[in-house]
Each structure stands twice: as structure tokens, then as C-alpha cells.
Amino acid sequence: KQFGKPINRFQAIQLKLAEMGTDLEAARQLVYFAAHCKESGLAHHKEAAMAKLFASEAAASICDKAARVAASSGIWQPLGHSCSAGGALGGGKGPHSLI
């Protein structure tokens, strides 16, 4: 709660949550499409690379936005571990560092 209201009642927080949900669903659909192509015997290498790139970038963006939302309400400890810059998403490792 902030100012006596749940944080999801603030328009700026609602926008961040909508962006996070949109990125997550888009990444999910790209992964599902790449998997469908592979299981159907269709060309899938481009689709898989696109899904991997978008999903990794979306994950980093979602973690960043979630950390900002949590920090705005005074919560930080639960996200500090899984979304740290040196964790699985940081450190220049991943598909986007290859391009």
C-alpha cells in the first residue's frame, strides 16, 4: 500500500503491469509458434532464434519493471536475488550478446 491505497490502483503501476503482461504473452506465443513449427516438421530455426531473443529481452525488461514496482512499495528483498544484474539475465550472456 502507498498513501492508503493498494499500489495496483495507481495508473503508472497499472501501465507497468500491462506492459509486463504484454511482453510475457508475446514471448510465450513466439515460443509456442517455434515449438509448433518444429513438431510439424517445418523450418523452425529462425522462429526459435526469434523466440529466444525476444523472451530473454522480455525477461530482463519484466524483471526491471517488477523491481521498480516493488521498490515503489518498499519491497525489494524477494526480487533482488532472481533479477540481479549478475544473475541469469545479466552479465552479457544470452542471445542478444551474440548479435
N, C-alpha and C. Protein backbone atom coordinates (compact mmCIF):
# COMPACT_ATOMS: atom_id res chain seq x y z
N LYS A 1 0.84 -1.19 0.00
CA LYS A 1 0.00 0.00 0.00
C LYS A 1 0.88 1.25 0.00
N GLN A 2 0.41 2.24 -0.71
CA GLN A 2 1.03 3.57 -0.71
C GLN A 2 -0.09 4.58 -0.57
N PHE A 3 0.09 5.52 0.31
CA PHE A 3 -0.91 6.57 0.54
C PHE A 3 -2.27 5.98 0.86
N GLY A 4 -2.27 4.82 1.55
CA GLY A 4 -3.50 4.19 1.96
C GLY A 4 -4.25 3.43 0.88
N LYS A 5 -3.64 3.31 -0.31
CA LYS A 5 -4.28 2.60 -1.43
C LYS A 5 -3.38 1.45 -1.88
N PRO A 6 -3.96 0.35 -2.36
CA PRO A 6 -3.13 -0.71 -2.95
C PRO A 6 -2.38 -0.14 -4.15
N ILE A 7 -1.14 -0.57 -4.34
CA ILE A 7 -0.32 0.02 -5.41
C ILE A 7 -0.89 -0.24 -6.80
N ASN A 8 -1.69 -1.30 -6.96
CA ASN A 8 -2.24 -1.56 -8.29
C ASN A 8 -3.38 -0.61 -8.66
N ARG A 9 -3.71 0.31 -7.78
CA ARG A 9 -4.72 1.33 -8.08
C ARG A 9 -4.12 2.57 -8.73
N PHE A 10 -2.81 2.65 -8.79
CA PHE A 10 -2.15 3.80 -9.40
C PHE A 10 -1.96 3.56 -10.89
N GLN A 11 -2.26 4.56 -11.69
CA GLN A 11 -2.23 4.41 -13.15
C GLN A 11 -0.83 4.04 -13.66
N ALA A 12 0.20 4.63 -13.11
CA ALA A 12 1.57 4.31 -13.55
C ALA A 12 1.90 2.85 -13.29
N ILE A 13 1.45 2.32 -12.16
CA ILE A 13 1.70 0.91 -11.84
C ILE A 13 0.89 0.02 -12.77
N GLN A 14 -0.35 0.40 -13.04
CA GLN A 14 -1.19 -0.37 -13.95
C GLN A 14 -0.55 -0.45 -15.33
N LEU A 15 0.04 0.65 -15.79
CA LEU A 15 0.70 0.67 -17.10
C LEU A 15 1.89 -0.30 -17.10
N LYS A 16 2.71 -0.26 -16.05
CA LYS A 16 3.85 -1.18 -15.99
C LYS A 16 3.39 -2.63 -15.96
N LEU A 17 2.34 -2.92 -15.20
CA LEU A 17 1.82 -4.29 -15.14
C LEU A 17 1.28 -4.72 -16.51
N ALA A 18 0.62 -3.81 -17.22
CA ALA A 18 0.12 -4.13 -18.56
C ALA A 18 1.27 -4.39 -19.53
N GLU A 19 2.32 -3.58 -19.46
CA GLU A 19 3.49 -3.79 -20.32
C GLU A 19 4.15 -5.13 -20.02
N MET A 20 4.27 -5.45 -18.74
CA MET A 20 4.89 -6.72 -18.35
C MET A 20 4.06 -7.90 -18.85
N GLY A 21 2.75 -7.82 -18.69
CA GLY A 21 1.87 -8.90 -19.15
C GLY A 21 1.91 -9.06 -20.66
N THR A 22 1.96 -7.94 -21.37
CA THR A 22 2.02 -7.98 -22.84
C THR A 22 3.31 -8.62 -23.31
N ASP A 23 4.43 -8.21 -22.72
CA ASP A 23 5.73 -8.80 -23.09
C ASP A 23 5.77 -10.29 -22.80
N LEU A 24 5.24 -10.67 -21.65
CA LEU A 24 5.23 -12.10 -21.28
C LEU A 24 4.39 -12.91 -22.26
N GLU A 25 3.21 -12.42 -22.59
CA GLU A 25 2.33 -13.17 -23.51
C GLU A 25 2.92 -13.23 -24.92
N ALA A 26 3.54 -12.14 -25.38
CA ALA A 26 4.17 -12.14 -26.70
C ALA A 26 5.32 -13.16 -26.74
N ALA A 27 6.13 -13.19 -25.69
CA ALA A 27 7.22 -14.17 -25.63
C ALA A 27 6.68 -15.58 -25.63
N ARG A 28 5.64 -15.81 -24.86
CA ARG A 28 5.02 -17.15 -24.79
C ARG A 28 4.53 -17.58 -26.17
N GLN A 29 3.87 -16.70 -26.88
CA GLN A 29 3.33 -17.05 -28.20
C GLN A 29 4.45 -17.33 -29.21
N LEU A 30 5.54 -16.57 -29.15
CA LEU A 30 6.68 -16.85 -30.03
C LEU A 30 7.27 -18.23 -29.75
N VAL A 31 7.39 -18.57 -28.48
CA VAL A 31 7.92 -19.89 -28.11
C VAL A 31 6.98 -21.00 -28.59
N TYR A 32 5.68 -20.81 -28.36
CA TYR A 32 4.71 -21.81 -28.80
C TYR A 32 4.75 -21.99 -30.33
N PHE A 33 4.88 -20.89 -31.07
CA PHE A 33 4.91 -20.98 -32.52
C PHE A 33 6.17 -21.72 -32.99
N ALA A 34 7.31 -21.41 -32.38
CA ALA A 34 8.55 -22.10 -32.74
C ALA A 34 8.43 -23.60 -32.44
N ALA A 35 7.84 -23.94 -31.31
CA ALA A 35 7.66 -25.35 -30.96
C ALA A 35 6.70 -26.04 -31.93
N HIS A 36 5.64 -25.34 -32.31
CA HIS A 36 4.68 -25.89 -33.28
C HIS A 36 5.38 -26.17 -34.61
N CYS A 37 6.19 -25.23 -35.07
CA CYS A 37 6.90 -25.41 -36.34
C CYS A 37 7.82 -26.63 -36.26
N LYS A 38 8.54 -26.78 -35.16
CA LYS A 38 9.45 -27.91 -35.02
C LYS A 38 8.68 -29.22 -35.00
N GLU A 39 7.62 -29.29 -34.21
CA GLU A 39 6.85 -30.53 -34.11
C GLU A 39 6.13 -30.87 -35.40
N SER A 40 5.84 -29.87 -36.23
CA SER A 40 5.16 -30.11 -37.51
C SER A 40 6.14 -30.41 -38.63
N GLY A 41 7.43 -30.42 -38.33
CA GLY A 41 8.42 -30.72 -39.34
C GLY A 41 8.71 -29.54 -40.26
N LEU A 42 8.32 -28.34 -39.87
CA LEU A 42 8.57 -27.14 -40.67
C LEU A 42 9.90 -26.52 -40.27
N ALA A 43 10.37 -25.60 -41.12
CA ALA A 43 11.58 -24.85 -40.77
C ALA A 43 11.30 -24.10 -39.46
N HIS A 44 12.24 -24.17 -38.53
CA HIS A 44 11.97 -23.59 -37.22
C HIS A 44 13.17 -22.85 -36.62
N HIS A 45 14.30 -22.86 -37.27
CA HIS A 45 15.50 -22.26 -36.69
C HIS A 45 15.35 -20.75 -36.52
N LYS A 46 14.82 -20.07 -37.51
CA LYS A 46 14.60 -18.63 -37.41
C LYS A 46 13.60 -18.33 -36.31
N GLU A 47 12.52 -19.09 -36.27
CA GLU A 47 11.47 -18.87 -35.28
C GLU A 47 11.99 -19.10 -33.86
N ALA A 48 12.81 -20.14 -33.70
CA ALA A 48 13.38 -20.43 -32.39
C ALA A 48 14.34 -19.32 -31.95
N ALA A 49 15.14 -18.82 -32.88
CA ALA A 49 16.07 -17.74 -32.54
C ALA A 49 15.31 -16.47 -32.17
N MET A 50 14.25 -16.19 -32.91
CA MET A 50 13.44 -15.01 -32.60
C MET A 50 12.80 -15.15 -31.21
N ALA A 51 12.28 -16.32 -30.92
CA ALA A 51 11.64 -16.55 -29.62
C ALA A 51 12.66 -16.43 -28.49
N LYS A 52 13.84 -16.99 -28.68
CA LYS A 52 14.88 -16.94 -27.65
C LYS A 52 15.32 -15.50 -27.40
N LEU A 53 15.53 -14.74 -28.45
CA LEU A 53 15.95 -13.35 -28.31
C LEU A 53 14.88 -12.53 -27.62
N PHE A 54 13.65 -12.61 -28.12
CA PHE A 54 12.58 -11.79 -27.55
C PHE A 54 12.30 -12.19 -26.11
N ALA A 55 12.27 -13.48 -25.83
CA ALA A 55 11.95 -13.94 -24.46
C ALA A 55 13.03 -13.52 -23.48
N SER A 56 14.29 -13.58 -23.87
CA SER A 56 15.36 -13.18 -22.95
C SER A 56 15.32 -11.67 -22.69
N GLU A 57 15.06 -10.88 -23.74
CA GLU A 57 14.96 -9.44 -23.55
C GLU A 57 13.71 -9.08 -22.75
N ALA A 58 12.62 -9.78 -23.00
CA ALA A 58 11.38 -9.54 -22.25
C ALA A 58 11.58 -9.88 -20.78
N ALA A 59 12.27 -10.98 -20.50
CA ALA A 59 12.51 -11.38 -19.12
C ALA A 59 13.30 -10.30 -18.37
N ALA A 60 14.33 -9.77 -19.01
CA ALA A 60 15.13 -8.71 -18.38
C ALA A 60 14.28 -7.47 -18.14
N SER A 61 13.47 -7.11 -19.13
CA SER A 61 12.61 -5.93 -19.00
C SER A 61 11.56 -6.13 -17.91
N ILE A 62 10.96 -7.31 -17.87
CA ILE A 62 9.94 -7.61 -16.85
C ILE A 62 10.57 -7.57 -15.46
N CYS A 63 11.75 -8.15 -15.30
CA CYS A 63 12.42 -8.10 -14.00
C CYS A 63 12.71 -6.67 -13.58
N ASP A 64 13.17 -5.86 -14.51
CA ASP A 64 13.47 -4.46 -14.20
C ASP A 64 12.20 -3.73 -13.76
N LYS A 65 11.13 -3.91 -14.51
CA LYS A 65 9.87 -3.24 -14.16
C LYS A 65 9.31 -3.76 -12.85
N ALA A 66 9.41 -5.07 -12.62
CA ALA A 66 8.93 -5.63 -11.36
C ALA A 66 9.73 -5.10 -10.18
N ALA A 67 11.04 -4.95 -10.35
CA ALA A 67 11.87 -4.41 -9.28
C ALA A 67 11.48 -2.97 -8.98
N ARG A 68 11.18 -2.20 -10.03
CA ARG A 68 10.77 -0.80 -9.82
C ARG A 68 9.42 -0.72 -9.12
N VAL A 69 8.50 -1.57 -9.51
CA VAL A 69 7.18 -1.60 -8.84
C VAL A 69 7.36 -2.00 -7.38
N ALA A 70 8.17 -3.03 -7.13
CA ALA A 70 8.39 -3.49 -5.76
C ALA A 70 9.08 -2.41 -4.93
N ALA A 71 10.06 -1.75 -5.52
CA ALA A 71 10.77 -0.70 -4.79
C ALA A 71 9.84 0.47 -4.46
N SER A 72 8.91 0.76 -5.35
CA SER A 72 7.99 1.88 -5.10
C SER A 72 7.07 1.59 -3.92
N SER A 73 6.89 0.33 -3.58
CA SER A 73 6.04 -0.02 -2.44
C SER A 73 6.87 -0.45 -1.23
N GLY A 74 8.19 -0.31 -1.32
CA GLY A 74 9.04 -0.62 -0.20
C GLY A 74 9.46 -2.08 -0.10
N ILE A 75 9.17 -2.87 -1.13
CA ILE A 75 9.55 -4.29 -1.15
C ILE A 75 10.74 -4.43 -2.08
N TRP A 76 11.79 -5.07 -1.63
CA TRP A 76 12.91 -5.27 -2.54
C TRP A 76 13.51 -6.66 -2.39
N GLN A 77 13.62 -7.17 -1.21
CA GLN A 77 14.33 -8.42 -0.94
C GLN A 77 13.96 -9.59 -1.85
N PRO A 78 12.66 -9.89 -2.08
CA PRO A 78 12.35 -11.07 -2.90
C PRO A 78 12.85 -10.97 -4.34
N LEU A 79 12.92 -9.76 -4.90
CA LEU A 79 13.32 -9.62 -6.30
C LEU A 79 14.82 -9.44 -6.46
N GLY A 80 15.49 -8.98 -5.42
CA GLY A 80 16.92 -8.72 -5.53
C GLY A 80 17.71 -9.95 -5.94
N HIS A 81 17.30 -11.12 -5.50
CA HIS A 81 18.02 -12.36 -5.80
C HIS A 81 17.83 -12.81 -7.24
N SER A 82 16.61 -12.91 -7.70
CA SER A 82 16.34 -13.52 -9.00
C SER A 82 16.50 -12.57 -10.18
N CYS A 83 16.49 -11.29 -9.94
CA CYS A 83 16.58 -10.33 -11.05
C CYS A 83 17.83 -9.47 -10.97
N SER A 84 18.86 -9.93 -10.31
CA SER A 84 20.07 -9.11 -10.18
C SER A 84 20.82 -9.04 -11.50
N ALA A 85 21.60 -7.99 -11.65
CA ALA A 85 22.36 -7.79 -12.88
C ALA A 85 23.37 -8.91 -13.11
N GLY A 86 23.85 -9.53 -12.07
CA GLY A 86 24.82 -10.61 -12.22
C GLY A 86 24.17 -11.97 -12.30
N GLY A 87 22.86 -12.03 -12.29
CA GLY A 87 22.16 -13.31 -12.30
C GLY A 87 22.05 -13.89 -13.68
N ALA A 88 21.07 -14.74 -13.86
CA ALA A 88 20.92 -15.47 -15.13
C ALA A 88 20.65 -14.54 -16.30
N LEU A 89 20.10 -13.36 -16.05
CA LEU A 89 19.75 -12.45 -17.15
C LEU A 89 20.85 -11.44 -17.45
N GLY A 90 21.77 -11.25 -16.56
CA GLY A 90 22.75 -10.21 -16.75
C GLY A 90 24.09 -10.74 -17.17
N GLY A 91 25.08 -9.86 -17.13
CA GLY A 91 26.43 -10.27 -17.38
C GLY A 91 26.77 -10.43 -18.86
N GLY A 92 25.95 -9.93 -19.76
CA GLY A 92 26.25 -10.02 -21.18
C GLY A 92 26.11 -11.41 -21.75
N LYS A 93 25.46 -12.31 -21.03
CA LYS A 93 25.28 -13.67 -21.53
C LYS A 93 23.89 -13.79 -22.11
N GLY A 94 23.76 -14.46 -23.20
CA GLY A 94 22.45 -14.66 -23.80
C GLY A 94 22.47 -14.35 -25.28
N PRO A 95 21.35 -14.56 -25.94
CA PRO A 95 21.32 -14.43 -27.39
C PRO A 95 21.58 -13.01 -27.88
N HIS A 96 21.16 -12.01 -27.12
CA HIS A 96 21.35 -10.64 -27.59
C HIS A 96 22.82 -10.22 -27.59
N SER A 97 23.68 -10.88 -26.82
CA SER A 97 25.09 -10.52 -26.81
C SER A 97 25.83 -11.09 -28.02
N LEU A 98 25.20 -11.97 -28.77
CA LEU A 98 25.83 -12.60 -29.93
C LEU A 98 25.69 -11.76 -31.19
N ILE A 99 24.74 -10.84 -31.15
CA ILE A 99 24.44 -10.06 -32.36
C ILE A 99 25.30 -8.82 -32.43
